[in-house]
């Protein structure tokens, strides 16, 4: 579990952790990302908070969801994500 910063919404902090894992290759393109339930367990957050994380990452183009299968890292990451990964 992470130490949450009080002034930043938890969903933003968890989204940043998942975003970083995508950038550093922990979750490579086309790989499955943890489910809403797994985020609840790992970070000790509410289901609604986890859903906000997924919505934010989808809006950024980092993940996509296949109904009945789960959520996956996008095959083609947005350019700013790729550039950051190459600089790491």
N, C-alpha and C. Protein backbone atom coordinates (compact mmCIF):
# COMPACT_ATOMS: atom_id res chain seq x y z
N UNK A 1 0.83 -1.18 0.00
CA UNK A 1 0.00 0.00 0.00
C UNK A 1 0.89 1.25 0.00
N UNK A 2 0.39 2.32 -0.60
CA UNK A 2 1.17 3.56 -0.65
C UNK A 2 0.73 4.50 0.46
N UNK A 3 1.61 5.42 0.79
CA UNK A 3 1.27 6.49 1.73
C UNK A 3 0.55 7.57 0.94
N UNK A 4 -0.69 7.82 1.24
CA UNK A 4 -1.45 8.83 0.52
C UNK A 4 -1.14 10.23 1.04
N UNK A 5 -1.01 11.17 0.11
CA UNK A 5 -0.82 12.57 0.45
C UNK A 5 -2.21 13.16 0.70
N UNK A 6 -2.41 13.81 1.83
CA UNK A 6 -3.76 14.28 2.19
C UNK A 6 -4.42 15.25 1.21
N UNK A 7 -3.68 16.14 0.59
CA UNK A 7 -4.28 17.18 -0.26
C UNK A 7 -4.54 16.76 -1.70
N UNK A 8 -4.18 15.54 -2.07
CA UNK A 8 -4.37 15.07 -3.45
C UNK A 8 -5.37 13.92 -3.42
N UNK A 9 -6.40 13.98 -4.29
CA UNK A 9 -7.39 12.89 -4.29
C UNK A 9 -6.71 11.53 -4.47
N UNK A 10 -7.19 10.57 -3.74
CA UNK A 10 -6.59 9.22 -3.80
C UNK A 10 -6.62 8.64 -5.20
N UNK A 11 -7.71 8.87 -5.94
CA UNK A 11 -7.77 8.29 -7.29
C UNK A 11 -6.65 8.83 -8.16
N UNK A 12 -6.28 10.11 -7.97
CA UNK A 12 -5.18 10.67 -8.76
C UNK A 12 -3.84 10.03 -8.38
N UNK A 13 -3.67 9.76 -7.10
CA UNK A 13 -2.42 9.15 -6.63
C UNK A 13 -2.29 7.71 -7.13
N UNK A 14 -3.38 6.96 -7.09
CA UNK A 14 -3.35 5.58 -7.59
C UNK A 14 -3.16 5.58 -9.11
N UNK A 15 -3.85 6.49 -9.80
CA UNK A 15 -3.68 6.58 -11.25
C UNK A 15 -2.22 6.86 -11.60
N UNK A 16 -1.56 7.69 -10.81
CA UNK A 16 -0.14 7.98 -11.07
C UNK A 16 0.73 6.73 -10.88
N UNK A 17 0.42 5.92 -9.89
CA UNK A 17 1.16 4.67 -9.68
C UNK A 17 0.99 3.76 -10.89
N UNK A 18 -0.24 3.58 -11.35
CA UNK A 18 -0.49 2.71 -12.51
C UNK A 18 0.15 3.30 -13.76
N UNK A 19 0.03 4.61 -13.93
CA UNK A 19 0.66 5.31 -15.07
C UNK A 19 2.17 5.04 -15.07
N UNK A 20 2.79 5.14 -13.90
CA UNK A 20 4.24 4.91 -13.79
C UNK A 20 4.58 3.46 -14.13
N UNK A 21 3.75 2.53 -13.70
CA UNK A 21 3.99 1.11 -14.01
C UNK A 21 3.89 0.86 -15.51
N UNK A 22 2.99 1.57 -16.17
CA UNK A 22 2.89 1.45 -17.63
C UNK A 22 4.14 2.04 -18.28
N UNK A 23 4.56 3.21 -17.82
CA UNK A 23 5.74 3.87 -18.39
C UNK A 23 7.01 3.06 -18.20
N UNK A 24 7.15 2.42 -17.02
CA UNK A 24 8.40 1.69 -16.76
C UNK A 24 8.38 0.26 -17.28
N UNK A 25 7.26 -0.15 -17.91
CA UNK A 25 7.20 -1.48 -18.51
C UNK A 25 6.71 -2.58 -17.59
N UNK A 26 6.37 -2.24 -16.35
CA UNK A 26 5.81 -3.26 -15.46
C UNK A 26 4.56 -3.85 -16.10
N UNK A 27 3.76 -2.97 -16.73
CA UNK A 27 2.60 -3.39 -17.50
C UNK A 27 2.88 -3.01 -18.95
N UNK A 28 3.43 -3.93 -19.74
CA UNK A 28 3.74 -3.61 -21.14
C UNK A 28 2.48 -3.51 -22.00
N UNK A 29 2.61 -2.94 -23.21
CA UNK A 29 1.47 -2.85 -24.12
C UNK A 29 0.79 -4.22 -24.29
N UNK A 30 -0.53 -4.17 -24.32
CA UNK A 30 -1.41 -5.33 -24.49
C UNK A 30 -1.52 -6.22 -23.26
N UNK A 31 -0.79 -5.89 -22.18
CA UNK A 31 -0.91 -6.70 -20.97
C UNK A 31 -2.11 -6.24 -20.15
N UNK A 32 -2.63 -7.15 -19.38
CA UNK A 32 -3.78 -6.85 -18.53
C UNK A 32 -3.32 -6.02 -17.33
N UNK A 33 -4.10 -5.02 -16.99
CA UNK A 33 -3.83 -4.25 -15.77
C UNK A 33 -4.70 -4.82 -14.66
N UNK A 34 -4.32 -4.60 -13.41
CA UNK A 34 -5.13 -5.14 -12.32
C UNK A 34 -6.58 -4.66 -12.40
N UNK A 35 -7.48 -5.51 -11.97
CA UNK A 35 -8.90 -5.20 -12.00
C UNK A 35 -9.26 -4.17 -10.92
N UNK A 36 -10.48 -3.68 -10.99
CA UNK A 36 -10.99 -2.76 -9.97
C UNK A 36 -10.85 -3.41 -8.59
N UNK A 37 -11.21 -4.66 -8.49
CA UNK A 37 -11.13 -5.38 -7.21
C UNK A 37 -9.68 -5.46 -6.72
N UNK A 38 -8.75 -5.71 -7.63
CA UNK A 38 -7.33 -5.79 -7.24
C UNK A 38 -6.81 -4.44 -6.76
N UNK A 39 -7.25 -3.35 -7.41
CA UNK A 39 -6.84 -2.02 -6.94
C UNK A 39 -7.40 -1.74 -5.55
N UNK A 40 -8.64 -2.15 -5.31
CA UNK A 40 -9.25 -1.99 -3.99
C UNK A 40 -8.40 -2.71 -2.95
N UNK A 41 -8.01 -3.94 -3.26
CA UNK A 41 -7.20 -4.75 -2.32
C UNK A 41 -5.80 -4.17 -2.14
N UNK A 42 -5.13 -3.82 -3.25
CA UNK A 42 -3.75 -3.35 -3.17
C UNK A 42 -3.61 -1.99 -2.49
N UNK A 43 -4.53 -1.08 -2.79
CA UNK A 43 -4.38 0.29 -2.29
C UNK A 43 -5.32 0.65 -1.15
N UNK A 44 -6.24 -0.25 -0.81
CA UNK A 44 -7.16 0.03 0.28
C UNK A 44 -8.11 1.18 -0.03
N UNK A 45 -8.56 1.25 -1.29
CA UNK A 45 -9.46 2.31 -1.72
C UNK A 45 -10.85 1.73 -2.00
N UNK A 46 -11.81 2.61 -2.14
CA UNK A 46 -13.18 2.18 -2.44
C UNK A 46 -13.30 1.80 -3.92
N UNK A 47 -14.32 1.00 -4.22
CA UNK A 47 -14.58 0.58 -5.60
C UNK A 47 -14.79 1.79 -6.50
N UNK A 48 -15.55 2.77 -6.03
CA UNK A 48 -15.81 3.98 -6.83
C UNK A 48 -14.51 4.73 -7.13
N UNK A 49 -13.58 4.72 -6.18
CA UNK A 49 -12.28 5.37 -6.38
C UNK A 49 -11.50 4.65 -7.47
N UNK A 50 -11.52 3.32 -7.41
CA UNK A 50 -10.84 2.52 -8.43
C UNK A 50 -11.42 2.76 -9.80
N UNK A 51 -12.73 2.90 -9.88
CA UNK A 51 -13.36 3.16 -11.17
C UNK A 51 -12.93 4.52 -11.72
N UNK A 52 -12.72 5.50 -10.84
CA UNK A 52 -12.22 6.81 -11.29
C UNK A 52 -10.82 6.67 -11.87
N UNK A 53 -10.01 5.80 -11.28
CA UNK A 53 -8.66 5.54 -11.79
C UNK A 53 -8.76 5.02 -13.22
N UNK A 54 -9.60 4.01 -13.43
CA UNK A 54 -9.75 3.43 -14.76
C UNK A 54 -10.28 4.45 -15.75
N UNK A 55 -11.25 5.24 -15.34
CA UNK A 55 -11.81 6.27 -16.23
C UNK A 55 -10.73 7.27 -16.65
N UNK A 56 -9.90 7.68 -15.72
CA UNK A 56 -8.83 8.64 -16.04
C UNK A 56 -7.82 8.04 -17.00
N UNK A 57 -7.41 6.81 -16.75
CA UNK A 57 -6.41 6.16 -17.61
C UNK A 57 -6.97 5.90 -19.01
N UNK A 58 -8.26 5.55 -19.08
CA UNK A 58 -8.91 5.38 -20.39
C UNK A 58 -8.95 6.70 -21.13
N UNK A 59 -9.31 7.78 -20.44
CA UNK A 59 -9.40 9.10 -21.07
C UNK A 59 -8.04 9.56 -21.60
N UNK A 60 -6.97 9.13 -20.95
CA UNK A 60 -5.62 9.48 -21.40
C UNK A 60 -5.14 8.58 -22.53
N UNK A 61 -5.89 7.52 -22.83
CA UNK A 61 -5.49 6.60 -23.89
C UNK A 61 -4.47 5.57 -23.45
N UNK A 62 -4.26 5.44 -22.15
CA UNK A 62 -3.27 4.49 -21.66
C UNK A 62 -3.81 3.06 -21.57
N UNK A 63 -5.11 2.93 -21.34
CA UNK A 63 -5.70 1.60 -21.26
C UNK A 63 -6.99 1.57 -22.06
N UNK A 64 -7.43 0.36 -22.36
CA UNK A 64 -8.74 0.14 -22.97
C UNK A 64 -9.36 -1.06 -22.27
N UNK A 65 -10.67 -1.14 -22.30
CA UNK A 65 -11.37 -2.21 -21.61
C UNK A 65 -12.15 -3.03 -22.61
N UNK A 66 -12.01 -4.33 -22.51
CA UNK A 66 -12.78 -5.29 -23.31
C UNK A 66 -13.82 -5.89 -22.38
N UNK A 67 -15.10 -5.60 -22.61
CA UNK A 67 -16.13 -6.14 -21.72
C UNK A 67 -16.01 -7.66 -21.55
N UNK A 68 -16.05 -8.08 -20.31
CA UNK A 68 -15.96 -9.50 -20.00
C UNK A 68 -14.54 -10.04 -19.96
N UNK A 69 -13.56 -9.26 -20.43
CA UNK A 69 -12.17 -9.73 -20.45
C UNK A 69 -11.26 -8.96 -19.49
N UNK A 70 -11.53 -7.68 -19.31
CA UNK A 70 -10.68 -6.88 -18.43
C UNK A 70 -10.14 -5.65 -19.13
N UNK A 71 -9.23 -4.99 -18.46
CA UNK A 71 -8.60 -3.78 -19.01
C UNK A 71 -7.15 -4.08 -19.33
N UNK A 72 -6.68 -3.47 -20.43
CA UNK A 72 -5.36 -3.76 -20.95
C UNK A 72 -4.63 -2.46 -21.28
N UNK A 73 -3.30 -2.53 -21.25
CA UNK A 73 -2.50 -1.39 -21.67
C UNK A 73 -2.68 -1.23 -23.17
N UNK A 74 -2.84 0.00 -23.60
CA UNK A 74 -3.04 0.28 -25.02
C UNK A 74 -1.87 -0.24 -25.84
N UNK A 75 -2.18 -0.70 -27.06
CA UNK A 75 -1.15 -1.21 -27.96
C UNK A 75 -0.21 -0.09 -28.38
N UNK A 76 -0.78 1.09 -28.61
CA UNK A 76 0.00 2.26 -29.01
C UNK A 76 -0.21 3.32 -27.93
N UNK A 77 0.84 3.56 -27.15
CA UNK A 77 0.71 4.55 -26.08
C UNK A 77 0.79 5.96 -26.65
N UNK A 78 0.13 6.91 -26.00
CA UNK A 78 0.23 8.30 -26.44
C UNK A 78 1.69 8.75 -26.48
N UNK A 79 2.07 9.66 -27.38
CA UNK A 79 3.47 10.07 -27.54
C UNK A 79 4.14 10.55 -26.26
N UNK A 80 3.45 11.34 -25.43
CA UNK A 80 4.09 11.84 -24.21
C UNK A 80 4.44 10.71 -23.26
N UNK A 81 3.66 9.63 -23.25
CA UNK A 81 3.96 8.49 -22.39
C UNK A 81 5.18 7.75 -22.92
N UNK A 82 5.26 7.57 -24.22
CA UNK A 82 6.39 6.88 -24.83
C UNK A 82 7.68 7.66 -24.61
N UNK A 83 7.63 8.99 -24.78
CA UNK A 83 8.82 9.81 -24.57
C UNK A 83 9.31 9.71 -23.14
N UNK A 84 8.40 9.74 -22.18
CA UNK A 84 8.79 9.64 -20.78
C UNK A 84 9.41 8.29 -20.49
N UNK A 85 8.87 7.22 -21.06
CA UNK A 85 9.40 5.88 -20.84
C UNK A 85 10.82 5.77 -21.40
N UNK A 86 11.08 6.41 -22.55
CA UNK A 86 12.41 6.35 -23.15
C UNK A 86 13.44 7.13 -22.34
N UNK A 87 13.01 8.17 -21.63
CA UNK A 87 13.93 8.98 -20.83
C UNK A 87 14.25 8.33 -19.49
N UNK A 88 13.42 7.37 -19.06
CA UNK A 88 13.62 6.73 -17.76
C UNK A 88 14.82 5.80 -17.78
